[in-house]
């Protein structure tokens, strides 16, 4: 097995192959975790990016924090999955790309990246369009993670 490709499920995960980037000081290894954390820091109002499997089990979270209410995390993923499943029955609409929900205190953007679900939580004042524009970057960062999880879930 390739030691650079491993899977650790939990809040302190580094999944997939490290991405290599060259900065002014030479080369550096950037993990999926640190890349997601950097996106959070660079995007005004973005509080967190959480990546779960289809069942709502957290695979990655940026920035790394302890989950206060794991049940709430799974409920959010379940609501998203049910909503996209039900809306897909309206064939004229096509497949849902993402669902954005505006709450009293925050914005929640969820997107399928099967077998993963991406959830971005942001301040109510965050730019919703900027969050949507960030999705392709998040999906690109998660490419190796997606393939590792797909390989693991295909076994079952």
C-alpha atoms as a PDB file:
ATOM      1  CA  UNK A   1       0.000   0.000   0.000  1.00  0.00           C
ATOM      2  CA  UNK A   2       1.165   3.512  -0.809  1.00  0.00           C
ATOM      3  CA  UNK A   3       1.873   5.262   2.538  1.00  0.00           C
ATOM      4  CA  UNK A   4       1.065   8.673   1.028  1.00  0.00           C
ATOM      5  CA  UNK A   5      -2.516   7.571   0.487  1.00  0.00           C
ATOM      6  CA  UNK A   6      -4.316   6.752   3.703  1.00  0.00           C
ATOM      7  CA  UNK A   7      -7.663   7.227   5.368  1.00  0.00           C
ATOM      8  CA  UNK A   8      -8.277   8.446   8.897  1.00  0.00           C
ATOM      9  CA  UNK A   9     -11.923   9.029   9.712  1.00  0.00           C
ATOM     10  CA  UNK A  10     -12.427  11.671  12.373  1.00  0.00           C
ATOM     11  CA  UNK A  11     -11.997  15.349  13.073  1.00  0.00           C
ATOM     12  CA  UNK A  12      -8.216  15.275  12.586  1.00  0.00           C
ATOM     13  CA  UNK A  13      -8.063  13.582   9.212  1.00  0.00           C
ATOM     14  CA  UNK A  14      -5.639  13.839   6.381  1.00  0.00           C
ATOM     15  CA  UNK A  15      -6.981  11.887   3.458  1.00  0.00           C
ATOM     16  CA  UNK A  16      -5.525  11.181   0.049  1.00  0.00           C
ATOM     17  CA  UNK A  17      -2.276  12.272  -1.500  1.00  0.00           C
ATOM     18  CA  UNK A  18      -0.698  15.521  -0.334  1.00  0.00           C
ATOM     19  CA  UNK A  19      -0.887  18.277  -2.914  1.00  0.00           C
ATOM     20  CA  UNK A  20       2.476  19.851  -3.644  1.00  0.00           C
ATOM     21  CA  UNK A  21       2.739  23.582  -4.023  1.00  0.00           C
ATOM     22  CA  UNK A  22       5.686  25.866  -4.595  1.00  0.00           C
ATOM     23  CA  UNK A  23       5.818  29.073  -2.629  1.00  0.00           C
ATOM     24  CA  UNK A  24       8.463  31.771  -2.458  1.00  0.00           C
ATOM     25  CA  UNK A  25      10.388  29.737   0.105  1.00  0.00           C
ATOM     26  CA  UNK A  26      10.565  26.599  -2.030  1.00  0.00           C
ATOM     27  CA  UNK A  27       8.310  23.565  -2.029  1.00  0.00           C
ATOM     28  CA  UNK A  28       5.815  22.699   0.681  1.00  0.00           C
ATOM     29  CA  UNK A  29       3.371  19.879   1.259  1.00  0.00           C
ATOM     30  CA  UNK A  30      -0.226  20.986   1.611  1.00  0.00           C
ATOM     31  CA  UNK A  31      -2.684  18.484   3.079  1.00  0.00           C
ATOM     32  CA  UNK A  32      -6.372  18.419   2.210  1.00  0.00           C
ATOM     33  CA  UNK A  33      -7.079  19.546   5.775  1.00  0.00           C
ATOM     34  CA  UNK A  34      -4.764  22.561   5.584  1.00  0.00           C
ATOM     35  CA  UNK A  35      -6.045  23.520   2.118  1.00  0.00           C
ATOM     36  CA  UNK A  36      -9.638  23.585   3.394  1.00  0.00           C
ATOM     37  CA  UNK A  37      -8.564  25.566   6.470  1.00  0.00           C
ATOM     38  CA  UNK A  38      -6.832  28.080   4.193  1.00  0.00           C
ATOM     39  CA  UNK A  39     -10.016  28.475   2.108  1.00  0.00           C
ATOM     40  CA  UNK A  40     -11.921  29.227   5.336  1.00  0.00           C
ATOM     41  CA  UNK A  41      -9.383  31.884   6.307  1.00  0.00           C
ATOM     42  CA  UNK A  42      -9.415  33.482   2.852  1.00  0.00           C
ATOM     43  CA  UNK A  43     -13.197  33.648   2.469  1.00  0.00           C
ATOM     44  CA  UNK A  44     -14.856  36.401   4.462  1.00  0.00           C
ATOM     45  CA  UNK A  45     -17.585  35.089   6.728  1.00  0.00           C
ATOM     46  CA  UNK A  46     -16.903  31.391   6.031  1.00  0.00           C
ATOM     47  CA  UNK A  47     -16.898  29.685   9.437  1.00  0.00           C
ATOM     48  CA  UNK A  48     -16.298  26.068   8.461  1.00  0.00           C
ATOM     49  CA  UNK A  49     -16.175  23.456   5.725  1.00  0.00           C
ATOM     50  CA  UNK A  50     -17.345  20.017   6.794  1.00  0.00           C
ATOM     51  CA  UNK A  51     -17.098  16.951   4.576  1.00  0.00           C
ATOM     52  CA  UNK A  52     -19.211  13.930   5.480  1.00  0.00           C
ATOM     53  CA  UNK A  53     -20.039  10.599   3.962  1.00  0.00           C
ATOM     54  CA  UNK A  54     -23.581   9.793   2.795  1.00  0.00           C
ATOM     55  CA  UNK A  55     -24.573   8.868   6.360  1.00  0.00           C
ATOM     56  CA  UNK A  56     -23.393  12.149   7.867  1.00  0.00           C
ATOM     57  CA  UNK A  57     -20.195  10.772   9.413  1.00  0.00           C
ATOM     58  CA  UNK A  58     -17.599  13.556   9.419  1.00  0.00           C
ATOM     59  CA  UNK A  59     -14.570  12.784   7.244  1.00  0.00           C
ATOM     60  CA  UNK A  60     -12.917  16.222   7.362  1.00  0.00           C
ATOM     61  CA  UNK A  61     -13.639  19.502   9.105  1.00  0.00           C
ATOM     62  CA  UNK A  62     -11.883  22.826   8.615  1.00  0.00           C
ATOM     63  CA  UNK A  63     -10.839  24.479  10.723  1.00  0.00           C
ATOM     64  CA  UNK A  64     -10.258  21.478  12.984  1.00  0.00           C
ATOM     65  CA  UNK A  65     -12.677  21.656  15.878  1.00  0.00           C
ATOM     66  CA  UNK A  66     -14.356  19.258  18.231  1.00  0.00           C
ATOM     67  CA  UNK A  67     -17.895  18.441  17.141  1.00  0.00           C
ATOM     68  CA  UNK A  68     -20.316  19.850  19.710  1.00  0.00           C
ATOM     69  CA  UNK A  69     -23.350  17.903  18.530  1.00  0.00           C
ATOM     70  CA  UNK A  70     -22.641  14.985  16.200  1.00  0.00           C
ATOM     71  CA  UNK A  71     -26.371  14.231  16.007  1.00  0.00           C
ATOM     72  CA  UNK A  72     -27.009  17.709  14.575  1.00  0.00           C
ATOM     73  CA  UNK A  73     -24.276  17.115  11.985  1.00  0.00           C
ATOM     74  CA  UNK A  74     -25.986  13.922  10.822  1.00  0.00           C
ATOM     75  CA  UNK A  75     -29.417  15.571  10.795  1.00  0.00           C
ATOM     76  CA  UNK A  76     -28.145  18.333   8.474  1.00  0.00           C
ATOM     77  CA  UNK A  77     -26.754  15.739   6.060  1.00  0.00           C
ATOM     78  CA  UNK A  78     -29.972  13.701   6.220  1.00  0.00           C
ATOM     79  CA  UNK A  79     -32.121  16.757   5.480  1.00  0.00           C
ATOM     80  CA  UNK A  80     -29.882  17.603   2.531  1.00  0.00           C
ATOM     81  CA  UNK A  81     -29.989  14.045   1.170  1.00  0.00           C
ATOM     82  CA  UNK A  82     -33.778  13.826   1.475  1.00  0.00           C
ATOM     83  CA  UNK A  83     -34.268  17.245  -0.133  1.00  0.00           C
ATOM     84  CA  UNK A  84     -32.071  16.465  -3.135  1.00  0.00           C
ATOM     85  CA  UNK A  85     -33.692  13.038  -3.505  1.00  0.00           C
ATOM     86  CA  UNK A  86     -37.200  14.504  -3.493  1.00  0.00           C
ATOM     87  CA  UNK A  87     -36.426  17.419  -5.841  1.00  0.00           C
ATOM     88  CA  UNK A  88     -34.805  15.015  -8.324  1.00  0.00           C
ATOM     89  CA  UNK A  89     -38.286  13.534  -8.847  1.00  0.00           C
ATOM     90  CA  UNK A  90     -39.206  16.711 -10.717  1.00  0.00           C
ATOM     91  CA  UNK A  91     -37.468  15.764 -13.949  1.00  0.00           C
ATOM     92  CA  UNK A  92     -37.851  19.218 -15.513  1.00  0.00           C
ATOM     93  CA  UNK A  93     -35.520  20.642 -12.862  1.00  0.00           C
ATOM     94  CA  UNK A  94     -32.717  18.141 -13.398  1.00  0.00           C
ATOM     95  CA  UNK A  95     -30.285  17.126 -10.670  1.00  0.00           C
ATOM     96  CA  UNK A  96     -29.721  19.533  -7.764  1.00  0.00           C
ATOM     97  CA  UNK A  97     -26.147  20.875  -7.714  1.00  0.00           C
ATOM     98  CA  UNK A  98     -26.319  22.370  -4.243  1.00  0.00           C
ATOM     99  CA  UNK A  99     -28.786  23.656  -1.689  1.00  0.00           C
ATOM    100  CA  UNK A 100     -28.312  26.936   0.143  1.00  0.00           C
ATOM    101  CA  UNK A 101     -30.338  27.630   3.270  1.00  0.00           C
ATOM    102  CA  UNK A 102     -30.482  31.026   4.964  1.00  0.00           C
ATOM    103  CA  UNK A 103     -31.092  30.794   8.703  1.00  0.00           C
ATOM    104  CA  UNK A 104     -31.544  33.607  11.244  1.00  0.00           C
ATOM    105  CA  UNK A 105     -27.887  33.404  12.278  1.00  0.00           C
ATOM    106  CA  UNK A 106     -26.025  31.809   9.388  1.00  0.00           C
ATOM    107  CA  UNK A 107     -25.902  30.509   5.821  1.00  0.00           C
ATOM    108  CA  UNK A 108     -25.595  26.779   5.106  1.00  0.00           C
ATOM    109  CA  UNK A 109     -24.464  25.640   1.646  1.00  0.00           C
ATOM    110  CA  UNK A 110     -24.510  21.890   0.995  1.00  0.00           C
ATOM    111  CA  UNK A 111     -23.405  20.110  -2.169  1.00  0.00           C
ATOM    112  CA  UNK A 112     -23.087  16.537  -3.379  1.00  0.00           C
ATOM    113  CA  UNK A 113     -19.626  15.345  -4.322  1.00  0.00           C
ATOM    114  CA  UNK A 114     -20.604  11.678  -4.231  1.00  0.00           C
ATOM    115  CA  UNK A 115     -19.890   9.721  -2.174  1.00  0.00           C
ATOM    116  CA  UNK A 116     -19.161  12.864  -0.125  1.00  0.00           C
ATOM    117  CA  UNK A 117     -21.371  15.721   1.020  1.00  0.00           C
ATOM    118  CA  UNK A 118     -19.779  19.157   1.400  1.00  0.00           C
ATOM    119  CA  UNK A 119     -21.236  21.613   3.908  1.00  0.00           C
ATOM    120  CA  UNK A 120     -20.090  25.212   4.251  1.00  0.00           C
ATOM    121  CA  UNK A 121     -21.333  27.210   7.235  1.00  0.00           C
ATOM    122  CA  UNK A 122     -20.972  30.974   7.023  1.00  0.00           C
ATOM    123  CA  UNK A 123     -21.994  34.098   8.858  1.00  0.00           C
ATOM    124  CA  UNK A 124     -25.342  35.599   7.860  1.00  0.00           C
ATOM    125  CA  UNK A 125     -23.414  38.556   6.423  1.00  0.00           C
ATOM    126  CA  UNK A 126     -21.267  36.364   4.114  1.00  0.00           C
ATOM    127  CA  UNK A 127     -21.481  36.790   0.350  1.00  0.00           C
ATOM    128  CA  UNK A 128     -23.670  33.874  -0.830  1.00  0.00           C
ATOM    129  CA  UNK A 129     -22.349  34.148  -4.401  1.00  0.00           C
ATOM    130  CA  UNK A 130     -18.763  33.903  -3.171  1.00  0.00           C
ATOM    131  CA  UNK A 131     -19.634  30.692  -1.308  1.00  0.00           C
ATOM    132  CA  UNK A 132     -21.157  29.205  -4.461  1.00  0.00           C
ATOM    133  CA  UNK A 133     -18.101  30.276  -6.474  1.00  0.00           C
ATOM    134  CA  UNK A 134     -15.893  28.486  -3.917  1.00  0.00           C
ATOM    135  CA  UNK A 135     -17.534  25.067  -4.519  1.00  0.00           C
ATOM    136  CA  UNK A 136     -15.392  24.077  -7.555  1.00  0.00           C
ATOM    137  CA  UNK A 137     -12.216  24.827  -5.557  1.00  0.00           C
ATOM    138  CA  UNK A 138     -13.409  22.746  -2.607  1.00  0.00           C
ATOM    139  CA  UNK A 139     -14.320  19.872  -4.944  1.00  0.00           C
ATOM    140  CA  UNK A 140     -10.900  20.058  -6.601  1.00  0.00           C
ATOM    141  CA  UNK A 141      -9.126  19.915  -3.223  1.00  0.00           C
ATOM    142  CA  UNK A 142     -11.279  16.911  -2.262  1.00  0.00           C
ATOM    143  CA  UNK A 143     -10.487  14.902  -5.435  1.00  0.00           C
ATOM    144  CA  UNK A 144      -8.096  12.418  -3.770  1.00  0.00           C
ATOM    145  CA  UNK A 145     -10.317  12.143  -0.684  1.00  0.00           C
ATOM    146  CA  UNK A 146     -13.335  11.369  -2.845  1.00  0.00           C
ATOM    147  CA  UNK A 147     -11.497   8.549  -4.611  1.00  0.00           C
ATOM    148  CA  UNK A 148     -10.233   7.010  -1.353  1.00  0.00           C
ATOM    149  CA  UNK A 149     -13.726   7.103   0.205  1.00  0.00           C
ATOM    150  CA  UNK A 150     -15.287   5.738  -2.984  1.00  0.00           C
ATOM    151  CA  UNK A 151     -12.819   2.860  -2.930  1.00  0.00           C
ATOM    152  CA  UNK A 152     -13.611   2.130   0.712  1.00  0.00           C
ATOM    153  CA  UNK A 153     -17.402   2.333   0.285  1.00  0.00           C
ATOM    154  CA  UNK A 154     -17.449   0.285  -2.927  1.00  0.00           C
ATOM    155  CA  UNK A 155     -16.062  -2.644  -0.919  1.00  0.00           C
ATOM    156  CA  UNK A 156     -19.268  -2.720   1.148  1.00  0.00           C
END
